[in-house]
């Protein structure tokens, strides 16, 4: 299959920020009286606001705060930790290789532009992508395919010629619904076990560098 473009998820895929978002969700939950016994209370891939209905139910939290308010508090806590966030090892070299092969690259994230803009100001990665698509641009979030379809449209590339790089089951499902193949990047063995629906699972971008993406 010819691959003309590679579309990257942001959180946990381009950025190593699982710890920082986990700490942000945990702090807000605990401020509401919840007892949180994990470093990762959130569900990956579905957006900060979209996480909160499930978290309120899971931790049996009662609050008068709206989902927007809870999301805002979470993002504020995350931004405090943003200076600690790093780009995934091997990412930049992988993208340089893609571009040398004539591939287009895009960023497609469920996160909001306000946060993405802050990320770009702190970590100079915007230059790595030909286009950026954020959650506000689609009505249906992951696992719906909309985000990736918009990203492909911006690149003027057919969905079937796009490869998606993801780190969450909802993103894998969204990519497959869009008719795209998926490479999942796992942070550890436990994480790898929930990514089995991807076409390929790797532990780092170094496993992808130097290999033609058409072979995936």
C-alpha atoms as a PDB file:
ATOM      1  CA  UNK A   1       0.000   0.000   0.000  1.00  0.00           C
ATOM      2  CA  UNK A   2       1.327   3.422  -0.938  1.00  0.00           C
ATOM      3  CA  UNK A   3       1.747   5.724   2.072  1.00  0.00           C
ATOM      4  CA  UNK A   4       1.923   9.450   1.317  1.00  0.00           C
ATOM      5  CA  UNK A   5       1.394  10.933   4.780  1.00  0.00           C
ATOM      6  CA  UNK A   6       1.888  10.110   8.443  1.00  0.00           C
ATOM      7  CA  UNK A   7      -0.523  11.537  11.029  1.00  0.00           C
ATOM      8  CA  UNK A   8       0.612  11.762  14.648  1.00  0.00           C
ATOM      9  CA  UNK A   9      -1.426  11.930  17.821  1.00  0.00           C
ATOM     10  CA  UNK A  10       0.077  14.401  20.326  1.00  0.00           C
ATOM     11  CA  UNK A  11      -0.294  13.371  23.957  1.00  0.00           C
ATOM     12  CA  UNK A  12       1.616  10.203  24.758  1.00  0.00           C
ATOM     13  CA  UNK A  13       2.630   9.771  21.119  1.00  0.00           C
ATOM     14  CA  UNK A  14       4.664  12.834  20.192  1.00  0.00           C
ATOM     15  CA  UNK A  15       5.100  13.939  23.798  1.00  0.00           C
ATOM     16  CA  UNK A  16       6.116  11.929  26.850  1.00  0.00           C
ATOM     17  CA  UNK A  17       3.490  13.608  29.019  1.00  0.00           C
ATOM     18  CA  UNK A  18       1.518  10.721  30.488  1.00  0.00           C
ATOM     19  CA  UNK A  19       2.967  11.382  33.950  1.00  0.00           C
ATOM     20  CA  UNK A  20       2.156  15.085  33.813  1.00  0.00           C
ATOM     21  CA  UNK A  21      -1.449  14.618  32.702  1.00  0.00           C
ATOM     22  CA  UNK A  22      -1.846  11.816  35.226  1.00  0.00           C
ATOM     23  CA  UNK A  23      -0.643  14.114  38.004  1.00  0.00           C
ATOM     24  CA  UNK A  24      -2.992  16.881  36.832  1.00  0.00           C
ATOM     25  CA  UNK A  25      -6.074  14.639  36.821  1.00  0.00           C
ATOM     26  CA  UNK A  26      -5.060  13.151  40.164  1.00  0.00           C
ATOM     27  CA  UNK A  27      -4.663  16.567  41.809  1.00  0.00           C
ATOM     28  CA  UNK A  28      -8.094  17.768  40.669  1.00  0.00           C
ATOM     29  CA  UNK A  29      -9.735  14.486  41.696  1.00  0.00           C
ATOM     30  CA  UNK A  30      -8.158  14.658  45.137  1.00  0.00           C
ATOM     31  CA  UNK A  31      -9.282  18.274  45.523  1.00  0.00           C
ATOM     32  CA  UNK A  32     -12.817  16.905  45.107  1.00  0.00           C
ATOM     33  CA  UNK A  33     -12.266  14.366  47.869  1.00  0.00           C
ATOM     34  CA  UNK A  34     -11.454  11.331  45.739  1.00  0.00           C
ATOM     35  CA  UNK A  35      -8.914   8.722  46.813  1.00  0.00           C
ATOM     36  CA  UNK A  36      -6.777   8.004  43.762  1.00  0.00           C
ATOM     37  CA  UNK A  37      -4.444   5.004  43.930  1.00  0.00           C
ATOM     38  CA  UNK A  38      -3.003   5.240  40.429  1.00  0.00           C
ATOM     39  CA  UNK A  39      -0.676   7.634  38.652  1.00  0.00           C
ATOM     40  CA  UNK A  40      -2.837   7.425  35.503  1.00  0.00           C
ATOM     41  CA  UNK A  41      -6.517   7.915  36.403  1.00  0.00           C
ATOM     42  CA  UNK A  42      -7.351   9.210  32.935  1.00  0.00           C
ATOM     43  CA  UNK A  43      -8.276   7.315  29.762  1.00  0.00           C
ATOM     44  CA  UNK A  44      -5.852   8.046  26.934  1.00  0.00           C
ATOM     45  CA  UNK A  45      -6.930   9.466  23.615  1.00  0.00           C
ATOM     46  CA  UNK A  46     -10.353  10.928  24.396  1.00  0.00           C
ATOM     47  CA  UNK A  47      -9.627  14.464  25.549  1.00  0.00           C
ATOM     48  CA  UNK A  48      -9.564  16.109  28.963  1.00  0.00           C
ATOM     49  CA  UNK A  49     -13.205  17.214  29.133  1.00  0.00           C
ATOM     50  CA  UNK A  50     -14.362  13.874  27.738  1.00  0.00           C
ATOM     51  CA  UNK A  51     -12.537  12.068  30.554  1.00  0.00           C
ATOM     52  CA  UNK A  52     -14.457  13.718  33.342  1.00  0.00           C
ATOM     53  CA  UNK A  53     -17.879  11.998  33.150  1.00  0.00           C
ATOM     54  CA  UNK A  54     -16.190   8.625  33.538  1.00  0.00           C
ATOM     55  CA  UNK A  55     -13.892   9.833  36.322  1.00  0.00           C
ATOM     56  CA  UNK A  56     -16.750  11.314  38.351  1.00  0.00           C
ATOM     57  CA  UNK A  57     -18.587   8.010  38.099  1.00  0.00           C
ATOM     58  CA  UNK A  58     -15.546   5.823  38.768  1.00  0.00           C
ATOM     59  CA  UNK A  59     -14.529   7.724  41.900  1.00  0.00           C
ATOM     60  CA  UNK A  60     -18.109   8.432  42.999  1.00  0.00           C
ATOM     61  CA  UNK A  61     -17.435  12.176  43.153  1.00  0.00           C
ATOM     62  CA  UNK A  62     -20.229  14.683  43.694  1.00  0.00           C
ATOM     63  CA  UNK A  63     -19.528  18.242  42.551  1.00  0.00           C
ATOM     64  CA  UNK A  64     -21.374  21.310  41.336  1.00  0.00           C
ATOM     65  CA  UNK A  65     -18.539  22.108  38.962  1.00  0.00           C
ATOM     66  CA  UNK A  66     -19.283  21.762  35.264  1.00  0.00           C
ATOM     67  CA  UNK A  67     -17.287  19.525  32.951  1.00  0.00           C
ATOM     68  CA  UNK A  68     -15.792  22.658  31.398  1.00  0.00           C
ATOM     69  CA  UNK A  69     -14.645  23.852  34.825  1.00  0.00           C
ATOM     70  CA  UNK A  70     -13.118  20.489  35.673  1.00  0.00           C
ATOM     71  CA  UNK A  71     -11.343  20.370  32.320  1.00  0.00           C
ATOM     72  CA  UNK A  72     -10.035  23.908  32.821  1.00  0.00           C
ATOM     73  CA  UNK A  73      -8.674  23.055  36.275  1.00  0.00           C
ATOM     74  CA  UNK A  74      -6.992  19.948  34.878  1.00  0.00           C
ATOM     75  CA  UNK A  75      -5.376  21.870  32.033  1.00  0.00           C
ATOM     76  CA  UNK A  76      -4.128  24.546  34.449  1.00  0.00           C
ATOM     77  CA  UNK A  77      -2.452  21.868  36.557  1.00  0.00           C
ATOM     78  CA  UNK A  78      -0.967  20.305  33.420  1.00  0.00           C
ATOM     79  CA  UNK A  79       0.446  23.624  32.223  1.00  0.00           C
ATOM     80  CA  UNK A  80       2.269  24.018  35.535  1.00  0.00           C
ATOM     81  CA  UNK A  81       4.077  20.776  34.705  1.00  0.00           C
ATOM     82  CA  UNK A  82       4.665  21.515  31.010  1.00  0.00           C
ATOM     83  CA  UNK A  83       8.351  22.461  31.510  1.00  0.00           C
ATOM     84  CA  UNK A  84       8.952  18.817  32.511  1.00  0.00           C
ATOM     85  CA  UNK A  85       7.461  17.413  29.297  1.00  0.00           C
ATOM     86  CA  UNK A  86       9.795  16.041  26.638  1.00  0.00           C
ATOM     87  CA  UNK A  87       9.451  14.860  23.057  1.00  0.00           C
ATOM     88  CA  UNK A  88       9.492  11.071  22.610  1.00  0.00           C
ATOM     89  CA  UNK A  89      12.982   9.758  21.914  1.00  0.00           C
ATOM     90  CA  UNK A  90      13.688   9.208  18.243  1.00  0.00           C
ATOM     91  CA  UNK A  91      10.671  11.200  17.034  1.00  0.00           C
ATOM     92  CA  UNK A  92      12.529  14.023  15.326  1.00  0.00           C
ATOM     93  CA  UNK A  93      14.889  11.686  13.478  1.00  0.00           C
ATOM     94  CA  UNK A  94      11.918   9.565  12.382  1.00  0.00           C
ATOM     95  CA  UNK A  95      10.110  12.608  10.986  1.00  0.00           C
ATOM     96  CA  UNK A  96      13.271  13.859   9.268  1.00  0.00           C
ATOM     97  CA  UNK A  97      13.473  10.484   7.552  1.00  0.00           C
ATOM     98  CA  UNK A  98       9.835  10.671   6.483  1.00  0.00           C
ATOM     99  CA  UNK A  99      10.303  14.103   4.980  1.00  0.00           C
ATOM    100  CA  UNK A 100      13.467  13.018   3.209  1.00  0.00           C
ATOM    101  CA  UNK A 101      11.313  10.336   1.572  1.00  0.00           C
ATOM    102  CA  UNK A 102       8.767  12.955   0.476  1.00  0.00           C
ATOM    103  CA  UNK A 103       6.142  12.143   3.108  1.00  0.00           C
ATOM    104  CA  UNK A 104       3.754  14.731   4.471  1.00  0.00           C
ATOM    105  CA  UNK A 105       3.267  14.879   8.240  1.00  0.00           C
ATOM    106  CA  UNK A 106       0.345  16.058  10.355  1.00  0.00           C
ATOM    107  CA  UNK A 107      -0.574  16.437  14.001  1.00  0.00           C
ATOM    108  CA  UNK A 108      -4.124  15.414  14.973  1.00  0.00           C
ATOM    109  CA  UNK A 109      -5.047  15.712  18.635  1.00  0.00           C
ATOM    110  CA  UNK A 110      -8.191  15.554  20.742  1.00  0.00           C
ATOM    111  CA  UNK A 111      -6.674  18.314  22.837  1.00  0.00           C
ATOM    112  CA  UNK A 112      -7.677  21.958  22.411  1.00  0.00           C
ATOM    113  CA  UNK A 113      -5.781  24.614  20.463  1.00  0.00           C
ATOM    114  CA  UNK A 114      -5.168  26.730  23.571  1.00  0.00           C
ATOM    115  CA  UNK A 115      -3.105  23.898  25.064  1.00  0.00           C
ATOM    116  CA  UNK A 116      -1.421  22.957  21.783  1.00  0.00           C
ATOM    117  CA  UNK A 117      -0.350  26.587  21.355  1.00  0.00           C
ATOM    118  CA  UNK A 118       1.190  26.542  24.851  1.00  0.00           C
ATOM    119  CA  UNK A 119       2.992  23.309  23.981  1.00  0.00           C
ATOM    120  CA  UNK A 120       4.414  24.811  20.789  1.00  0.00           C
ATOM    121  CA  UNK A 121       5.659  27.841  22.742  1.00  0.00           C
ATOM    122  CA  UNK A 122       7.449  25.597  25.248  1.00  0.00           C
ATOM    123  CA  UNK A 123       8.577  22.808  22.917  1.00  0.00           C
ATOM    124  CA  UNK A 124       9.451  23.794  19.306  1.00  0.00           C
ATOM    125  CA  UNK A 125       7.765  20.941  17.433  1.00  0.00           C
ATOM    126  CA  UNK A 126       5.290  22.794  15.213  1.00  0.00           C
ATOM    127  CA  UNK A 127       7.924  22.883  12.464  1.00  0.00           C
ATOM    128  CA  UNK A 128       7.759  19.085  12.263  1.00  0.00           C
ATOM    129  CA  UNK A 129       4.211  19.075  10.880  1.00  0.00           C
ATOM    130  CA  UNK A 130       2.630  20.285   7.649  1.00  0.00           C
ATOM    131  CA  UNK A 131      -0.744  20.715   9.354  1.00  0.00           C
ATOM    132  CA  UNK A 132      -2.299  20.676  12.823  1.00  0.00           C
ATOM    133  CA  UNK A 133      -5.857  19.583  13.667  1.00  0.00           C
ATOM    134  CA  UNK A 134      -7.321  19.958  17.171  1.00  0.00           C
ATOM    135  CA  UNK A 135     -10.414  18.660  18.908  1.00  0.00           C
ATOM    136  CA  UNK A 136     -12.464  21.815  18.368  1.00  0.00           C
ATOM    137  CA  UNK A 137     -12.451  21.208  14.619  1.00  0.00           C
ATOM    138  CA  UNK A 138     -14.622  18.099  14.731  1.00  0.00           C
ATOM    139  CA  UNK A 139     -18.031  17.329  16.179  1.00  0.00           C
ATOM    140  CA  UNK A 140     -17.262  13.687  16.898  1.00  0.00           C
ATOM    141  CA  UNK A 141     -14.101  12.890  18.872  1.00  0.00           C
ATOM    142  CA  UNK A 142     -12.136   9.629  18.929  1.00  0.00           C
ATOM    143  CA  UNK A 143     -12.986   6.777  18.536  1.00  0.00           C
ATOM    144  CA  UNK A 144     -14.904   8.406  15.658  1.00  0.00           C
ATOM    145  CA  UNK A 145     -12.675   8.854  12.577  1.00  0.00           C
ATOM    146  CA  UNK A 146     -13.425  12.566  12.065  1.00  0.00           C
ATOM    147  CA  UNK A 147     -10.164  13.974  13.445  1.00  0.00           C
ATOM    148  CA  UNK A 148      -7.996  11.859  11.162  1.00  0.00           C
ATOM    149  CA  UNK A 149     -10.217  12.446   8.139  1.00  0.00           C
ATOM    150  CA  UNK A 150      -9.925  16.220   8.603  1.00  0.00           C
ATOM    151  CA  UNK A 151      -6.149  15.871   8.949  1.00  0.00           C
ATOM    152  CA  UNK A 152      -5.955  13.878   5.707  1.00  0.00           C
ATOM    153  CA  UNK A 153      -8.125  16.430   3.932  1.00  0.00           C
ATOM    154  CA  UNK A 154      -5.845  19.272   5.020  1.00  0.00           C
ATOM    155  CA  UNK A 155      -2.895  17.407   3.525  1.00  0.00           C
ATOM    156  CA  UNK A 156      -4.879  16.656   0.354  1.00  0.00           C
ATOM    157  CA  UNK A 157      -4.075  12.969   0.775  1.00  0.00           C
ATOM    158  CA  UNK A 158      -6.566  10.097   0.493  1.00  0.00           C
ATOM    159  CA  UNK A 159      -7.242   8.413   3.868  1.00  0.00           C
ATOM    160  CA  UNK A 160      -6.086   5.046   2.538  1.00  0.00           C
ATOM    161  CA  UNK A 161      -2.652   6.606   1.879  1.00  0.00           C
ATOM    162  CA  UNK A 162      -2.270   7.794   5.487  1.00  0.00           C
ATOM    163  CA  UNK A 163      -0.515   6.033   8.339  1.00  0.00           C
ATOM    164  CA  UNK A 164      -1.444   6.998  11.906  1.00  0.00           C
ATOM    165  CA  UNK A 165       0.879   6.906  14.918  1.00  0.00           C
ATOM    166  CA  UNK A 166      -1.079   6.481  18.164  1.00  0.00           C
ATOM    167  CA  UNK A 167      -0.814   5.386  21.788  1.00  0.00           C
ATOM    168  CA  UNK A 168      -4.440   4.730  22.780  1.00  0.00           C
ATOM    169  CA  UNK A 169      -7.137   2.183  21.869  1.00  0.00           C
ATOM    170  CA  UNK A 170      -9.607   4.956  20.984  1.00  0.00           C
ATOM    171  CA  UNK A 171      -7.115   6.426  18.528  1.00  0.00           C
ATOM    172  CA  UNK A 172      -6.414   3.040  16.978  1.00  0.00           C
ATOM    173  CA  UNK A 173     -10.140   2.497  16.464  1.00  0.00           C
ATOM    174  CA  UNK A 174     -10.546   5.991  15.007  1.00  0.00           C
ATOM    175  CA  UNK A 175      -7.738   5.430  12.517  1.00  0.00           C
ATOM    176  CA  UNK A 176      -9.111   2.081  11.380  1.00  0.00           C
ATOM    177  CA  UNK A 177     -12.578   3.602  10.974  1.00  0.00           C
ATOM    178  CA  UNK A 178     -10.937   6.229   8.766  1.00  0.00           C
ATOM    179  CA  UNK A 179      -9.452   3.471   6.608  1.00  0.00           C
ATOM    180  CA  UNK A 180      -5.895   4.098   7.796  1.00  0.00           C
ATOM    181  CA  UNK A 181      -3.224   1.741   9.095  1.00  0.00           C
ATOM    182  CA  UNK A 182      -1.904   2.324  12.610  1.00  0.00           C
ATOM    183  CA  UNK A 183       1.394   2.028  14.417  1.00  0.00           C
ATOM    184  CA  UNK A 184       1.042   2.131  18.208  1.00  0.00           C
ATOM    185  CA  UNK A 185       3.835   3.365  20.460  1.00  0.00           C
ATOM    186  CA  UNK A 186       3.814   1.546  23.816  1.00  0.00           C
ATOM    187  CA  UNK A 187       5.477   2.968  26.920  1.00  0.00           C
ATOM    188  CA  UNK A 188       5.796  -0.444  28.626  1.00  0.00           C
ATOM    189  CA  UNK A 189       4.637  -4.069  28.435  1.00  0.00           C
ATOM    190  CA  UNK A 190       1.395  -3.420  30.329  1.00  0.00           C
ATOM    191  CA  UNK A 191       0.538  -0.557  27.975  1.00  0.00           C
ATOM    192  CA  UNK A 192       1.441  -2.707  24.967  1.00  0.00           C
ATOM    193  CA  UNK A 193      -1.230  -5.239  25.947  1.00  0.00           C
ATOM    194  CA  UNK A 194      -4.069  -2.744  25.338  1.00  0.00           C
ATOM    195  CA  UNK A 195      -2.744  -1.727  21.916  1.00  0.00           C
ATOM    196  CA  UNK A 196      -3.134  -5.129  20.249  1.00  0.00           C
ATOM    197  CA  UNK A 197      -5.564  -3.846  17.607  1.00  0.00           C
ATOM    198  CA  UNK A 198      -2.850  -1.721  15.988  1.00  0.00           C
ATOM    199  CA  UNK A 199      -1.227  -3.040  12.819  1.00  0.00           C
ATOM    200  CA  UNK A 200       2.164  -2.829  14.520  1.00  0.00           C
ATOM    201  CA  UNK A 201       3.190  -2.036  18.110  1.00  0.00           C
ATOM    202  CA  UNK A 202       6.647  -0.617  18.860  1.00  0.00           C
ATOM    203  CA  UNK A 203       8.399   0.488  22.035  1.00  0.00           C
ATOM    204  CA  UNK A 204      10.151   3.476  20.458  1.00  0.00           C
ATOM    205  CA  UNK A 205      10.539   5.449  17.248  1.00  0.00           C
ATOM    206  CA  UNK A 206      14.013   3.987  16.859  1.00  0.00           C
ATOM    207  CA  UNK A 207      12.313   0.740  15.816  1.00  0.00           C
ATOM    208  CA  UNK A 208      10.698   2.593  12.907  1.00  0.00           C
ATOM    209  CA  UNK A 209      13.586   4.769  11.739  1.00  0.00           C
ATOM    210  CA  UNK A 210      15.240   3.519   8.583  1.00  0.00           C
ATOM    211  CA  UNK A 211      12.327   1.282   7.579  1.00  0.00           C
ATOM    212  CA  UNK A 212      10.046   2.243   4.661  1.00  0.00           C
ATOM    213  CA  UNK A 213       6.577   2.985   6.032  1.00  0.00           C
ATOM    214  CA  UNK A 214       5.071   1.199   3.026  1.00  0.00           C
ATOM    215  CA  UNK A 215       6.173  -2.093   4.589  1.00  0.00           C
ATOM    216  CA  UNK A 216       3.855  -1.600   7.566  1.00  0.00           C
END
